[in-house]
Amino acid sequence: MTFKEAKDIVERLELADLSLRNSFDNIDYARRNLDDSLIEQKKVLKQLPEKESKIKYLYLIIMLNIGFIGGLFVGKYLL
């Protein structure tokens, strides 16, 4: 093997090493993003039942207000 061939092989190995490091960095970044998104999903799932009960109460309040307004119209125009 000549010196030129050895130098070429070393350059290829260095390039392969750099590309592997870059790939590992990208994998680590993606893993951290996935962990962050899983944490956020857990937070949302914990808050879901609480928000659902609040929505039920808001729906009830809206229906009561609509009934009250309907009762005012019936009382004013029919009586």
Protein backbone atom coordinates (compact mmCIF):
# COMPACT_ATOMS: atom_id res chain seq x y z
CA MET A 1 0.00 0.00 0.00
CA THR A 2 1.36 3.37 -0.93
CA PHE A 3 1.35 6.47 1.17
CA LYS A 4 -1.27 8.07 -1.09
CA GLU A 5 -3.65 5.12 -0.69
CA ALA A 6 -3.19 5.15 3.09
CA LYS A 7 -3.86 8.90 3.19
CA ASP A 8 -7.02 8.37 1.11
CA ILE A 9 -8.22 5.63 3.48
CA VAL A 10 -7.56 7.85 6.53
CA GLU A 11 -9.53 10.71 4.94
CA ARG A 12 -12.45 8.36 4.25
CA LEU A 13 -12.35 7.12 7.85
CA GLU A 14 -12.33 10.69 9.16
CA LEU A 15 -15.27 11.56 6.92
CA ALA A 16 -17.13 8.45 8.09
CA ASP A 17 -16.38 9.36 11.72
CA LEU A 18 -17.72 12.89 11.23
CA SER A 19 -20.87 11.63 9.55
CA LEU A 20 -21.44 9.09 12.34
CA ARG A 21 -21.03 11.77 15.01
CA ASN A 22 -23.46 14.00 13.14
CA SER A 23 -25.94 11.13 12.89
CA PHE A 24 -25.65 10.37 16.61
CA ASP A 25 -26.16 14.05 17.43
CA ASN A 26 -29.29 14.12 15.28
CA ILE A 27 -30.60 10.95 16.91
CA ASP A 28 -29.98 12.40 20.37
CA TYR A 29 -31.75 15.64 19.43
CA ALA A 30 -34.73 13.69 18.08
CA ARG A 31 -34.85 11.56 21.25
CA ARG A 32 -34.89 14.66 23.45
CA ASN A 33 -37.68 16.18 21.37
CA LEU A 34 -39.65 12.96 21.66
CA ASP A 35 -39.18 12.91 25.44
CA ASP A 36 -40.38 16.53 25.65
CA SER A 37 -43.44 15.80 23.55
CA LEU A 38 -44.29 12.76 25.69
CA ILE A 39 -44.09 14.90 28.82
CA GLU A 40 -46.43 17.46 27.26
CA GLN A 41 -48.85 14.70 26.20
CA LYS A 42 -48.92 13.37 29.77
CA LYS A 43 -49.76 16.87 31.04
CA VAL A 44 -52.61 17.18 28.55
CA LEU A 45 -53.99 13.76 29.47
CA LYS A 46 -53.93 14.68 33.17
CA GLN A 47 -55.85 17.92 32.52
CA LEU A 48 -58.41 16.38 30.17
CA PRO A 49 -60.94 15.10 32.79
CA GLU A 50 -60.81 18.41 34.68
CA LYS A 51 -61.43 20.44 31.53
CA GLU A 52 -64.20 18.09 30.47
CA SER A 53 -66.12 18.69 33.71
CA LYS A 54 -65.69 22.45 33.29
CA ILE A 55 -67.09 22.22 29.76
CA LYS A 56 -70.13 20.35 31.10
CA TYR A 57 -70.78 23.15 33.61
CA LEU A 58 -70.36 25.81 30.93
CA TYR A 59 -72.81 23.94 28.68
CA LEU A 60 -75.33 23.84 31.55
CA ILE A 61 -74.92 27.57 32.19
CA ILE A 62 -75.43 28.35 28.50
CA MET A 63 -78.60 26.24 28.39
CA LEU A 64 -79.92 28.00 31.51
CA ASN A 65 -79.29 31.40 29.94
CA ILE A 66 -81.02 30.36 26.72
CA GLY A 67 -83.97 29.10 28.76
CA PHE A 68 -84.08 32.35 30.71
CA ILE A 69 -84.08 34.42 27.52
CA GLY A 70 -86.74 32.17 26.00
CA GLY A 71 -88.83 32.56 29.14
CA LEU A 72 -88.56 36.36 28.91
CA PHE A 73 -89.80 36.33 25.32
CA VAL A 74 -92.68 34.00 26.17
CA GLY A 75 -93.61 36.12 29.17
CA LYS A 76 -93.47 39.38 27.24
CA TYR A 77 -95.25 38.39 24.04
CA LEU A 78 -97.69 35.71 25.15
CA LEU A 79 -98.87 37.09 28.46
